[in-house]
Amino acid sequence: MGDVAASIKVMPKSPDIDLDELQDSLEAALPEGARISGAKTEEVAFGLTALIPTVIVADGEGGTESVEEAFAAVDDVESVSVESVGRL
């Protein structure tokens, strides 16, 4: 069993959310064994910018589900969706 890299789109609740602070909160919320390998941003609309971290997780049962749940539980997060997943 190896690792997979997943790009996960995280929409903040408001355009006023500091994305650096949001990324720090996401890193703190990661389940054991997962890590963020990098992040990019994507302009969405009306000044709202999505944060898209690349998360490395073990290629096992449940995949990115625990990471998605952890990210969704962060206070400033409106929604979480997996953009892509690939084996390393």
N, C-alpha and C. Protein backbone atom coordinates (compact mmCIF):
# COMPACT_ATOMS: atom_id res chain seq x y z
N MET A 1 0.85 -1.17 0.00
CA MET A 1 0.00 0.00 0.00
C MET A 1 0.90 1.24 0.00
N GLY A 2 0.58 2.21 -0.86
CA GLY A 2 1.38 3.42 -0.97
C GLY A 2 0.61 4.64 -0.50
N ASP A 3 1.03 5.78 -0.98
CA ASP A 3 0.38 7.04 -0.65
C ASP A 3 -0.31 7.61 -1.87
N VAL A 4 -1.29 8.46 -1.62
CA VAL A 4 -1.96 9.20 -2.69
C VAL A 4 -1.89 10.69 -2.37
N ALA A 5 -1.92 11.49 -3.42
CA ALA A 5 -1.99 12.95 -3.28
C ALA A 5 -3.37 13.38 -3.72
N ALA A 6 -4.05 14.12 -2.88
CA ALA A 6 -5.39 14.59 -3.18
C ALA A 6 -5.43 16.12 -3.13
N SER A 7 -5.96 16.73 -4.18
CA SER A 7 -6.20 18.17 -4.18
C SER A 7 -7.61 18.38 -3.65
N ILE A 8 -7.71 19.12 -2.56
CA ILE A 8 -9.00 19.31 -1.90
C ILE A 8 -9.35 20.79 -1.89
N LYS A 9 -10.46 21.14 -2.52
CA LYS A 9 -10.90 22.53 -2.60
C LYS A 9 -11.65 22.90 -1.32
N VAL A 10 -11.13 23.90 -0.64
CA VAL A 10 -11.72 24.37 0.62
C VAL A 10 -12.25 25.78 0.39
N MET A 11 -13.57 25.94 0.54
CA MET A 11 -14.20 27.25 0.38
C MET A 11 -14.36 27.90 1.75
N PRO A 12 -13.79 29.09 1.93
CA PRO A 12 -13.97 29.80 3.20
C PRO A 12 -15.38 30.37 3.30
N LYS A 13 -15.82 30.66 4.52
CA LYS A 13 -17.17 31.19 4.74
C LYS A 13 -17.33 32.61 4.23
N SER A 14 -16.21 33.34 4.11
CA SER A 14 -16.29 34.74 3.72
C SER A 14 -15.02 35.16 2.99
N PRO A 15 -15.12 36.20 2.13
CA PRO A 15 -13.92 36.70 1.46
C PRO A 15 -12.93 37.36 2.43
N ASP A 16 -13.38 37.64 3.65
CA ASP A 16 -12.54 38.31 4.64
C ASP A 16 -11.62 37.35 5.39
N ILE A 17 -11.77 36.06 5.18
CA ILE A 17 -10.96 35.06 5.88
C ILE A 17 -9.53 35.12 5.34
N ASP A 18 -8.56 35.17 6.25
CA ASP A 18 -7.14 35.17 5.88
C ASP A 18 -6.77 33.73 5.48
N LEU A 19 -6.38 33.53 4.23
CA LEU A 19 -6.11 32.18 3.73
C LEU A 19 -4.87 31.54 4.36
N ASP A 20 -3.89 32.35 4.77
CA ASP A 20 -2.72 31.80 5.46
C ASP A 20 -3.13 31.22 6.82
N GLU A 21 -3.99 31.96 7.52
CA GLU A 21 -4.48 31.47 8.81
C GLU A 21 -5.37 30.24 8.62
N LEU A 22 -6.17 30.25 7.55
CA LEU A 22 -7.02 29.10 7.26
C LEU A 22 -6.16 27.87 6.98
N GLN A 23 -5.09 28.03 6.23
CA GLN A 23 -4.20 26.90 5.95
C GLN A 23 -3.58 26.38 7.24
N ASP A 24 -3.17 27.27 8.13
CA ASP A 24 -2.63 26.84 9.42
C ASP A 24 -3.67 26.03 10.20
N SER A 25 -4.92 26.48 10.17
CA SER A 25 -6.00 25.76 10.87
C SER A 25 -6.23 24.38 10.25
N LEU A 26 -6.15 24.30 8.92
CA LEU A 26 -6.33 23.01 8.24
C LEU A 26 -5.20 22.05 8.61
N GLU A 27 -3.97 22.56 8.64
CA GLU A 27 -2.83 21.72 9.01
C GLU A 27 -2.98 21.19 10.44
N ALA A 28 -3.48 22.04 11.33
CA ALA A 28 -3.67 21.63 12.73
C ALA A 28 -4.78 20.58 12.86
N ALA A 29 -5.74 20.59 11.92
CA ALA A 29 -6.88 19.68 11.99
C ALA A 29 -6.62 18.33 11.32
N LEU A 30 -5.50 18.20 10.61
CA LEU A 30 -5.24 16.96 9.86
C LEU A 30 -5.21 15.74 10.77
N PRO A 31 -5.80 14.64 10.30
CA PRO A 31 -5.72 13.40 11.07
C PRO A 31 -4.29 12.85 11.03
N GLU A 32 -3.96 11.99 11.96
CA GLU A 32 -2.63 11.40 12.04
C GLU A 32 -2.30 10.67 10.74
N GLY A 33 -1.08 10.87 10.26
CA GLY A 33 -0.63 10.20 9.06
C GLY A 33 -0.84 11.00 7.78
N ALA A 34 -1.59 12.09 7.84
CA ALA A 34 -1.82 12.94 6.67
C ALA A 34 -0.95 14.19 6.79
N ARG A 35 -0.58 14.74 5.62
CA ARG A 35 0.20 15.98 5.64
C ARG A 35 -0.12 16.80 4.40
N ILE A 36 0.05 18.11 4.52
CA ILE A 36 -0.15 19.01 3.39
C ILE A 36 1.19 19.19 2.69
N SER A 37 1.19 18.97 1.38
CA SER A 37 2.42 19.04 0.60
C SER A 37 2.55 20.37 -0.14
N GLY A 38 1.56 21.18 -0.11
CA GLY A 38 1.56 22.46 -0.81
C GLY A 38 0.13 22.93 -0.96
N ALA A 39 -0.03 24.17 -1.39
CA ALA A 39 -1.38 24.70 -1.57
C ALA A 39 -1.36 25.78 -2.64
N LYS A 40 -2.48 25.93 -3.31
CA LYS A 40 -2.66 27.01 -4.27
C LYS A 40 -4.01 27.65 -4.00
N THR A 41 -4.25 28.76 -4.64
CA THR A 41 -5.53 29.44 -4.48
C THR A 41 -6.21 29.53 -5.84
N GLU A 42 -7.53 29.69 -5.79
CA GLU A 42 -8.31 29.81 -7.02
C GLU A 42 -9.40 30.86 -6.80
N GLU A 43 -9.39 31.90 -7.63
CA GLU A 43 -10.42 32.92 -7.56
C GLU A 43 -11.75 32.28 -7.96
N VAL A 44 -12.79 32.51 -7.17
CA VAL A 44 -14.08 31.89 -7.46
C VAL A 44 -15.04 32.94 -8.01
N ALA A 45 -15.47 33.87 -7.17
CA ALA A 45 -16.38 34.94 -7.60
C ALA A 45 -16.57 35.93 -6.47
N PHE A 46 -16.89 37.16 -6.83
CA PHE A 46 -17.22 38.19 -5.86
C PHE A 46 -16.16 38.35 -4.77
N GLY A 47 -14.90 38.23 -5.16
CA GLY A 47 -13.81 38.39 -4.20
C GLY A 47 -13.52 37.16 -3.36
N LEU A 48 -14.26 36.09 -3.57
CA LEU A 48 -14.05 34.87 -2.79
C LEU A 48 -12.97 34.02 -3.45
N THR A 49 -12.03 33.56 -2.65
CA THR A 49 -10.92 32.76 -3.14
C THR A 49 -10.91 31.43 -2.40
N ALA A 50 -10.83 30.34 -3.16
CA ALA A 50 -10.76 29.00 -2.57
C ALA A 50 -9.30 28.65 -2.29
N LEU A 51 -9.08 27.88 -1.26
CA LEU A 51 -7.77 27.35 -0.93
C LEU A 51 -7.76 25.89 -1.35
N ILE A 52 -6.73 25.48 -2.11
CA ILE A 52 -6.68 24.11 -2.60
C ILE A 52 -5.36 23.47 -2.15
N PRO A 53 -5.37 22.87 -0.95
CA PRO A 53 -4.16 22.19 -0.49
C PRO A 53 -4.04 20.81 -1.14
N THR A 54 -2.80 20.37 -1.34
CA THR A 54 -2.54 19.01 -1.78
C THR A 54 -2.18 18.22 -0.53
N VAL A 55 -3.00 17.20 -0.26
CA VAL A 55 -2.84 16.42 0.97
C VAL A 55 -2.32 15.02 0.61
N ILE A 56 -1.31 14.58 1.33
CA ILE A 56 -0.76 13.24 1.15
C ILE A 56 -1.34 12.34 2.24
N VAL A 57 -1.99 11.26 1.80
CA VAL A 57 -2.59 10.30 2.74
C VAL A 57 -2.24 8.88 2.28
N ALA A 58 -2.36 7.93 3.20
CA ALA A 58 -2.13 6.53 2.86
C ALA A 58 -3.25 6.05 1.94
N ASP A 59 -2.88 5.20 1.00
CA ASP A 59 -3.84 4.64 0.05
C ASP A 59 -4.52 3.44 0.71
N GLY A 60 -5.49 3.73 1.54
CA GLY A 60 -6.17 2.66 2.26
C GLY A 60 -7.67 2.88 2.25
N GLU A 61 -8.35 2.06 2.99
CA GLU A 61 -9.80 2.15 3.07
C GLU A 61 -10.22 3.51 3.62
N GLY A 62 -11.18 4.14 3.00
CA GLY A 62 -11.65 5.45 3.44
C GLY A 62 -10.98 6.59 2.70
N GLY A 63 -9.80 6.36 2.16
CA GLY A 63 -9.11 7.36 1.35
C GLY A 63 -9.02 8.72 2.02
N THR A 64 -9.63 9.71 1.42
CA THR A 64 -9.54 11.09 1.92
C THR A 64 -10.68 11.47 2.86
N GLU A 65 -11.54 10.53 3.16
CA GLU A 65 -12.73 10.84 3.96
C GLU A 65 -12.41 11.49 5.31
N SER A 66 -11.42 10.97 6.02
CA SER A 66 -11.09 11.54 7.34
C SER A 66 -10.55 12.96 7.20
N VAL A 67 -9.80 13.22 6.13
CA VAL A 67 -9.28 14.57 5.89
C VAL A 67 -10.42 15.52 5.56
N GLU A 68 -11.34 15.09 4.69
CA GLU A 68 -12.49 15.92 4.33
C GLU A 68 -13.30 16.27 5.57
N GLU A 69 -13.55 15.31 6.44
CA GLU A 69 -14.31 15.55 7.66
C GLU A 69 -13.58 16.52 8.59
N ALA A 70 -12.26 16.36 8.71
CA ALA A 70 -11.47 17.24 9.57
C ALA A 70 -11.49 18.67 9.04
N PHE A 71 -11.33 18.83 7.72
CA PHE A 71 -11.36 20.16 7.13
C PHE A 71 -12.74 20.80 7.29
N ALA A 72 -13.80 20.03 7.10
CA ALA A 72 -15.16 20.57 7.21
C ALA A 72 -15.47 21.04 8.64
N ALA A 73 -14.79 20.48 9.62
CA ALA A 73 -15.02 20.85 11.02
C ALA A 73 -14.31 22.15 11.42
N VAL A 74 -13.41 22.67 10.57
CA VAL A 74 -12.72 23.92 10.88
C VAL A 74 -13.72 25.07 10.79
N ASP A 75 -13.67 25.99 11.77
CA ASP A 75 -14.66 27.06 11.90
C ASP A 75 -14.90 27.89 10.64
N ASP A 76 -13.87 28.32 9.96
CA ASP A 76 -14.02 29.25 8.84
C ASP A 76 -14.28 28.58 7.50
N VAL A 77 -14.54 27.26 7.50
CA VAL A 77 -14.74 26.52 6.26
C VAL A 77 -16.22 26.40 5.94
N GLU A 78 -16.58 26.80 4.72
CA GLU A 78 -17.96 26.68 4.23
C GLU A 78 -18.20 25.31 3.61
N SER A 79 -17.27 24.86 2.74
CA SER A 79 -17.43 23.56 2.09
C SER A 79 -16.08 22.97 1.71
N VAL A 80 -16.09 21.66 1.50
CA VAL A 80 -14.88 20.91 1.14
C VAL A 80 -15.24 19.95 0.02
N SER A 81 -14.42 19.91 -1.03
CA SER A 81 -14.66 18.94 -2.10
C SER A 81 -13.32 18.47 -2.66
N VAL A 82 -13.26 17.20 -3.02
CA VAL A 82 -12.05 16.64 -3.60
C VAL A 82 -12.03 16.97 -5.06
N GLU A 83 -10.94 17.59 -5.50
CA GLU A 83 -10.77 17.99 -6.91
C GLU A 83 -10.12 16.87 -7.72
N SER A 84 -9.09 16.24 -7.15
CA SER A 84 -8.41 15.15 -7.85
C SER A 84 -7.65 14.29 -6.85
N VAL A 85 -7.42 13.03 -7.25
CA VAL A 85 -6.66 12.10 -6.43
C VAL A 85 -5.76 11.29 -7.36
N GLY A 86 -4.50 11.12 -6.98
CA GLY A 86 -3.57 10.33 -7.78
C GLY A 86 -2.57 9.62 -6.91
N ARG A 87 -2.09 8.50 -7.37
CA ARG A 87 -1.08 7.73 -6.63
C ARG A 87 0.27 8.41 -6.75
N LEU A 88 1.07 8.28 -5.71
CA LEU A 88 2.44 8.80 -5.73
C LEU A 88 3.39 7.71 -6.17
